Amino acid sequence: MTKLQMLTLSALVLALSGCQLVVDFDRSKIGDATTDSAVDSGIRDGTMDATPDAMPDATPDATPDAMLDATPDATSDAMTDGSMDATTDAGTDAGTDAGTDAGTDAGTDAGTDAGTDAGTDTGVAMTCGNGTVEGTETCDDGNMLDCGTCNATCTAAQALATASGSITTPVSAMLLDTETFTLDDGMNTPTVFEFDTNATATGVAIDISTITTADEVRDAIVAAINGVTTTLEITATAVSPGFVGLINDTAGSPGNAAILETVTDAGFVVVGMAGGVAADCPAATGCVSTDDCFSMSCSSMLCD
């Protein structure tokens, strides 16, 4: 390259550099004067700095802090600590613990447990006297009286049974004229039997004027008793020497009537009548069968 060409190239470079300086200068003036000035003095520093800084510091800080500190702390904490703790806890402790627990302990334990022990433990509720065997009942004859085929508490069956008794006889010489014994079948007027030696008896006569032995006395007594057919429902049997067996013709406890006697000799012994069971509930008493009733008749679960 010639010297002239080098000079020309240098001048061109200088010219281009001058243009760049002008452009940079103009750009900096706009940025500094307008943008920087507006940002520094007005928009950012003056307006934005003054207002935004004041709002976060003065208003937001003063108000939210006060609200948070004064109101929430004083009120909320008081409500939480004072109301909720004092009220809710008191309600929970005093009400729930004292009330509910008391209700549970006093009511549930005392009530439910009592109900459970008395009724529920058996598995089935029961009503003694309704005519139906329920729960732990052994029987139920439709009433709560100690009559019929079940006792008063429905805990023991009372099967129908017949009353019986006996008479032990001495020899006839030990018996005196006009001495008596009385049998009561529980259904009719008692019957008086009288030992007679001279045909003057006022009761059912047992003639001992022509007999001697204990067996003869026994047989005379059996004949006299079985001779009364309409007003005495007791049958006599010669069971063994000097011994008369007696049995009521109608089963039931009404036949449990003691044999009365006026014989002075200790060899004359009476036993019974005893052993009769049931058939003794009065009219209008609950029943489940004729065996419960004195009348031996049960209709619509009531004794006739």
Protein backbone atom coordinates (compact mmCIF):
# COMPACT_ATOMS: atom_id res chain seq x y z
CA MET A 1 0.00 0.00 0.00
CA THR A 2 1.22 3.47 -0.87
CA LYS A 3 1.62 6.25 1.58
CA LEU A 4 -1.24 8.06 -0.05
CA GLN A 5 -3.53 5.09 0.40
CA MET A 6 -2.63 4.82 4.10
CA LEU A 7 -3.42 8.44 4.73
CA THR A 8 -6.72 8.12 2.97
CA LEU A 9 -7.67 5.06 5.07
CA SER A 10 -6.74 6.82 8.32
CA ALA A 11 -8.92 9.78 7.40
CA LEU A 12 -11.84 7.47 6.75
CA VAL A 13 -11.43 5.78 10.13
CA LEU A 14 -11.34 9.13 11.89
CA ALA A 15 -14.49 10.22 10.07
CA LEU A 16 -16.38 7.09 11.11
CA SER A 17 -15.25 7.47 14.72
CA GLY A 18 -16.60 11.01 14.78
CA CYS A 19 -20.02 9.86 13.71
CA GLN A 20 -20.08 7.23 16.48
CA LEU A 21 -19.21 9.91 19.04
CA VAL A 22 -22.12 12.03 17.86
CA VAL A 23 -24.52 9.12 18.10
CA ASP A 24 -23.28 8.16 21.57
CA PHE A 25 -23.42 11.71 22.68
CA ASP A 26 -27.01 12.14 21.52
CA ARG A 27 -28.06 8.84 23.12
CA SER A 28 -26.50 9.71 26.44
CA LYS A 29 -28.15 13.05 26.50
CA ILE A 30 -31.56 11.54 25.97
CA GLY A 31 -30.93 8.82 28.56
CA ASP A 32 -29.48 11.15 31.17
CA ALA A 33 -31.75 14.07 30.68
CA THR A 34 -34.98 12.28 30.13
CA THR A 35 -34.80 8.75 31.40
CA ASP A 36 -32.30 9.24 34.17
CA SER A 37 -33.82 12.54 35.19
CA ALA A 38 -37.31 11.14 35.18
CA VAL A 39 -36.29 8.02 37.01
CA ASP A 40 -34.01 9.77 39.51
CA SER A 41 -35.92 12.96 40.23
CA GLY A 42 -39.48 12.19 39.50
CA ILE A 43 -40.89 8.91 38.50
CA ARG A 44 -38.79 6.53 40.48
CA ASP A 45 -37.31 8.66 43.26
CA GLY A 46 -39.92 11.36 43.59
CA THR A 47 -43.15 9.61 42.86
CA MET A 48 -42.54 5.91 43.22
CA ASP A 49 -40.08 6.22 46.08
CA ALA A 50 -42.17 8.67 48.06
CA THR A 51 -45.48 6.91 47.69
CA PRO A 52 -44.54 3.27 47.69
CA ASP A 53 -42.09 3.73 50.53
CA ALA A 54 -44.67 5.56 52.58
CA MET A 55 -47.39 3.00 52.00
CA PRO A 56 -45.44 -0.01 53.01
CA ASP A 57 -43.84 1.78 55.98
CA ALA A 58 -46.50 4.15 57.28
CA THR A 59 -49.78 2.64 56.35
CA PRO A 60 -49.17 -1.06 55.98
CA ASP A 61 -46.75 -1.24 58.89
CA ALA A 62 -48.87 0.79 61.26
CA THR A 63 -52.19 -0.73 60.40
CA PRO A 64 -51.47 -4.40 59.84
CA ASP A 65 -49.08 -4.53 62.77
CA ALA A 66 -51.63 -2.88 65.00
CA MET A 67 -54.33 -5.14 63.75
CA LEU A 68 -52.22 -8.20 64.17
CA ASP A 69 -50.74 -7.19 67.49
CA ALA A 70 -53.55 -5.32 69.19
CA THR A 71 -56.65 -7.01 67.91
CA PRO A 72 -55.70 -10.54 67.04
CA ASP A 73 -53.35 -10.96 69.95
CA ALA A 74 -55.59 -9.33 72.51
CA THR A 75 -58.86 -10.58 71.14
CA SER A 76 -58.01 -13.83 69.45
CA ASP A 77 -55.61 -14.88 72.13
CA ALA A 78 -58.09 -13.85 74.78
CA MET A 79 -60.81 -15.73 72.97
CA THR A 80 -58.61 -18.70 72.49
CA ASP A 81 -57.14 -18.62 75.96
CA GLY A 82 -59.96 -16.98 77.86
CA SER A 83 -63.05 -18.11 76.03
CA MET A 84 -62.02 -21.31 74.44
CA ASP A 85 -59.80 -22.43 77.25
CA ALA A 86 -62.02 -21.19 80.01
CA THR A 87 -65.33 -21.84 78.28
CA THR A 88 -64.65 -24.72 75.95
CA ASP A 89 -62.33 -26.46 78.33
CA ALA A 90 -64.69 -25.79 81.16
CA GLY A 91 -67.54 -27.03 79.02
CA THR A 92 -65.56 -30.02 78.01
CA ASP A 93 -64.19 -30.73 81.44
CA ALA A 94 -67.12 -29.64 83.53
CA GLY A 95 -69.84 -30.58 81.07
CA THR A 96 -68.46 -33.51 79.22
CA ASP A 97 -66.41 -34.96 82.01
CA ALA A 98 -68.73 -34.13 84.87
CA GLY A 99 -71.96 -34.31 82.90
CA THR A 100 -71.42 -36.91 80.28
CA ASP A 101 -69.22 -39.06 82.44
CA ALA A 102 -71.67 -38.70 85.26
CA GLY A 103 -74.46 -39.56 82.86
CA THR A 104 -72.49 -42.45 81.53
CA ASP A 105 -71.39 -43.66 84.93
CA ALA A 106 -74.57 -42.96 86.81
CA GLY A 107 -76.98 -43.68 83.99
CA THR A 108 -75.30 -46.24 81.86
CA ASP A 109 -73.58 -48.12 84.64
CA ALA A 110 -76.40 -47.94 87.11
CA GLY A 111 -79.21 -48.14 84.58
CA THR A 112 -77.94 -50.21 81.72
CA ASP A 113 -75.92 -52.54 83.89
CA ALA A 114 -78.89 -53.03 86.15
CA GLY A 115 -81.04 -53.69 83.11
CA THR A 116 -78.40 -56.00 81.73
CA ASP A 117 -77.94 -57.89 84.97
CA ALA A 118 -81.64 -58.18 85.68
CA GLY A 119 -82.93 -58.81 82.18
CA THR A 120 -80.51 -58.83 79.35
CA ASP A 121 -78.00 -61.29 80.88
CA THR A 122 -80.69 -63.96 80.70
CA GLY A 123 -80.85 -63.40 76.97
CA VAL A 124 -84.66 -63.15 76.90
CA ALA A 125 -87.00 -60.86 78.78
CA MET A 126 -89.44 -62.76 80.96
CA THR A 127 -92.79 -62.04 82.57
CA CYS A 128 -93.84 -64.52 85.21
CA GLY A 129 -97.59 -65.13 85.21
CA ASN A 130 -98.35 -64.62 81.51
CA GLY A 131 -98.79 -68.31 80.79
CA THR A 132 -95.71 -68.61 78.56
CA VAL A 133 -92.41 -70.09 79.70
CA GLU A 134 -89.71 -67.49 78.87
CA GLY A 135 -86.07 -66.82 79.68
CA THR A 136 -84.98 -68.60 82.82
CA GLU A 137 -88.52 -69.57 83.86
CA THR A 138 -89.05 -73.20 84.72
CA CYS A 139 -92.80 -72.98 84.31
CA ASP A 140 -95.63 -70.46 83.99
CA ASP A 141 -99.21 -71.38 84.82
CA GLY A 142 -100.67 -67.95 84.04
CA ASN A 143 -100.58 -66.49 87.53
CA MET A 144 -98.16 -65.36 90.25
CA LEU A 145 -99.86 -67.21 93.09
CA ASP A 146 -98.47 -70.25 94.86
CA CYS A 147 -101.19 -72.43 93.39
CA GLY A 148 -101.66 -74.50 90.27
CA THR A 149 -98.88 -76.29 88.44
CA CYS A 150 -96.19 -73.60 88.97
CA ASN A 151 -95.01 -71.72 92.03
CA ALA A 152 -95.41 -67.96 92.52
CA THR A 153 -92.03 -67.05 91.00
CA CYS A 154 -92.14 -69.38 87.98
CA THR A 155 -89.06 -71.17 89.26
CA ALA A 156 -90.50 -74.57 90.28
CA ALA A 157 -93.07 -76.78 88.60
CA GLN A 158 -95.81 -78.28 90.74
CA ALA A 159 -97.02 -81.37 88.93
CA LEU A 160 -100.52 -82.54 89.71
CA ALA A 161 -100.41 -85.13 92.51
CA THR A 162 -102.85 -86.92 94.76
CA ALA A 163 -103.07 -86.68 98.54
CA SER A 164 -102.71 -89.84 100.54
CA GLY A 165 -102.69 -91.04 104.14
CA SER A 166 -102.94 -94.03 106.40
CA ILE A 167 -104.43 -95.43 109.61
CA THR A 168 -102.71 -97.92 111.88
CA THR A 169 -105.16 -99.97 113.95
CA PRO A 170 -104.89 -101.61 117.39
CA VAL A 171 -106.93 -104.52 118.59
CA SER A 172 -110.58 -103.70 119.20
CA ALA A 173 -110.22 -103.83 122.99
CA MET A 174 -108.13 -100.68 122.82
CA LEU A 175 -110.91 -98.72 121.18
CA LEU A 176 -113.78 -97.09 123.05
CA ASP A 177 -117.37 -96.52 122.03
CA THR A 178 -117.98 -93.03 120.54
CA GLU A 179 -114.29 -92.43 119.70
CA THR A 180 -113.99 -90.99 116.22
CA PHE A 181 -111.78 -90.05 113.28
CA THR A 182 -112.67 -87.57 110.53
CA LEU A 183 -111.73 -87.65 106.84
CA ASP A 184 -111.80 -84.59 104.60
CA ASP A 185 -111.39 -85.00 100.84
CA GLY A 186 -111.11 -81.23 100.30
CA MET A 187 -114.15 -81.16 98.09
CA ASN A 188 -117.04 -82.17 100.32
CA THR A 189 -118.14 -81.76 103.91
CA PRO A 190 -115.78 -83.74 106.19
CA THR A 191 -117.07 -87.18 107.15
CA VAL A 192 -116.98 -88.36 110.78
CA PHE A 193 -116.51 -92.08 111.50
CA GLU A 194 -117.45 -93.40 114.96
CA PHE A 195 -116.46 -96.62 116.70
CA ASP A 196 -119.66 -98.18 117.96
CA THR A 197 -120.31 -100.95 120.40
CA ASN A 198 -124.06 -100.49 120.96
CA ALA A 199 -125.52 -99.16 117.73
CA THR A 200 -125.81 -95.59 119.01
CA ALA A 201 -123.31 -93.89 116.69
CA THR A 202 -124.21 -90.47 115.38
CA GLY A 203 -121.54 -90.52 112.67
CA VAL A 204 -120.73 -93.25 110.13
CA ALA A 205 -120.70 -96.29 112.42
CA ILE A 206 -117.81 -98.75 112.62
CA ASP A 207 -119.14 -101.72 114.60
CA ILE A 208 -116.39 -103.19 116.76
CA SER A 209 -118.70 -105.11 119.09
CA THR A 210 -118.05 -108.48 117.46
CA ILE A 211 -114.39 -108.16 116.32
CA THR A 212 -111.09 -108.64 118.12
CA THR A 213 -107.86 -108.41 116.11
CA ALA A 214 -106.15 -105.41 114.58
CA ASP A 215 -106.75 -106.81 111.11
CA GLU A 216 -110.45 -107.15 111.85
CA VAL A 217 -110.49 -103.53 112.99
CA ARG A 218 -108.60 -102.62 109.82
CA ASP A 219 -111.14 -104.38 107.60
CA ALA A 220 -114.06 -102.74 109.44
CA ILE A 221 -112.56 -99.31 108.85
CA VAL A 222 -111.96 -100.01 105.12
CA ALA A 223 -115.55 -101.14 104.66
CA ALA A 224 -116.93 -98.07 106.44
CA ILE A 225 -114.88 -95.59 104.42
CA ASN A 226 -115.58 -97.18 101.05
CA GLY A 227 -119.24 -97.38 101.96
CA VAL A 228 -119.54 -93.58 101.72
CA THR A 229 -119.79 -93.03 97.98
CA THR A 230 -121.41 -89.68 97.36
CA THR A 231 -119.96 -87.33 99.97
CA LEU A 232 -116.42 -88.66 100.37
CA GLU A 233 -113.84 -88.99 97.60
CA ILE A 234 -111.29 -91.09 99.47
CA THR A 235 -110.62 -94.76 98.88
CA ALA A 236 -109.39 -97.08 101.64
CA THR A 237 -107.28 -100.20 101.11
CA ALA A 238 -106.12 -102.96 103.49
CA VAL A 239 -102.39 -102.65 102.78
CA SER A 240 -100.85 -104.79 105.49
CA PRO A 241 -101.72 -106.19 108.94
CA GLY A 242 -103.27 -103.45 111.03
CA PHE A 243 -102.64 -100.85 108.32
CA VAL A 244 -105.14 -98.98 106.15
CA GLY A 245 -103.99 -97.08 103.09
CA LEU A 246 -105.93 -93.98 102.04
CA ILE A 247 -105.87 -92.11 98.75
CA ASN A 248 -107.89 -89.16 97.54
CA ASP A 249 -109.97 -89.88 94.46
CA THR A 250 -109.28 -86.39 93.09
CA ALA A 251 -105.74 -85.18 92.57
CA GLY A 252 -104.65 -81.81 93.86
CA SER A 253 -103.62 -79.97 96.97
CA PRO A 254 -107.19 -79.49 98.27
CA GLY A 255 -106.98 -83.12 99.44
CA ASN A 256 -104.20 -82.19 101.88
CA ALA A 257 -106.52 -82.15 104.87
CA ALA A 258 -105.31 -83.58 108.15
CA ILE A 259 -107.12 -86.60 109.55
CA LEU A 260 -108.68 -85.69 112.89
CA GLU A 261 -109.24 -88.29 115.62
CA THR A 262 -110.32 -88.62 119.25
CA VAL A 263 -108.94 -92.10 119.99
CA THR A 264 -107.00 -92.26 123.24
CA ASP A 265 -104.99 -95.39 122.56
CA ALA A 266 -101.48 -94.69 121.26
CA GLY A 267 -101.71 -97.73 118.96
CA PHE A 268 -104.24 -95.92 116.81
CA VAL A 269 -102.13 -93.73 114.48
CA VAL A 270 -103.27 -91.53 111.63
CA VAL A 271 -101.02 -89.95 108.97
CA GLY A 272 -102.06 -87.40 106.36
CA MET A 273 -103.76 -86.60 104.25
CA ALA A 274 -100.83 -85.03 102.43
CA GLY A 275 -98.90 -84.91 99.17
CA GLY A 276 -101.56 -83.44 96.94
CA VAL A 277 -100.25 -80.85 94.46
CA ALA A 278 -101.95 -78.28 92.19
CA ALA A 279 -105.65 -78.08 91.24
CA ASP A 280 -106.10 -75.38 93.86
CA CYS A 281 -106.32 -71.99 92.11
CA PRO A 282 -109.59 -70.19 92.82
CA ALA A 283 -112.06 -69.01 90.20
CA ALA A 284 -110.96 -66.17 87.87
CA THR A 285 -107.27 -66.96 88.47
CA GLY A 286 -104.98 -67.29 85.49
CA CYS A 287 -104.45 -70.85 84.29
CA VAL A 288 -103.06 -72.87 81.41
CA SER A 289 -104.77 -76.21 82.16
CA THR A 290 -107.50 -77.77 84.27
CA ASP A 291 -104.77 -79.06 86.59
CA ASP A 292 -104.30 -75.49 87.83
CA CYS A 293 -107.88 -74.96 88.99
CA PHE A 294 -109.76 -76.05 92.07
CA SER A 295 -112.82 -76.45 89.85
CA MET A 296 -110.76 -78.62 87.47
CA SER A 297 -111.96 -76.33 84.68
CA CYS A 298 -109.89 -73.71 82.82
CA SER A 299 -111.43 -71.56 80.09
CA SER A 300 -109.72 -68.75 78.16
CA MET A 301 -106.77 -68.97 80.56
CA LEU A 302 -108.98 -68.37 83.60
CA CYS A 303 -110.15 -70.86 86.20
CA ASP A 304 -113.91 -71.35 86.16
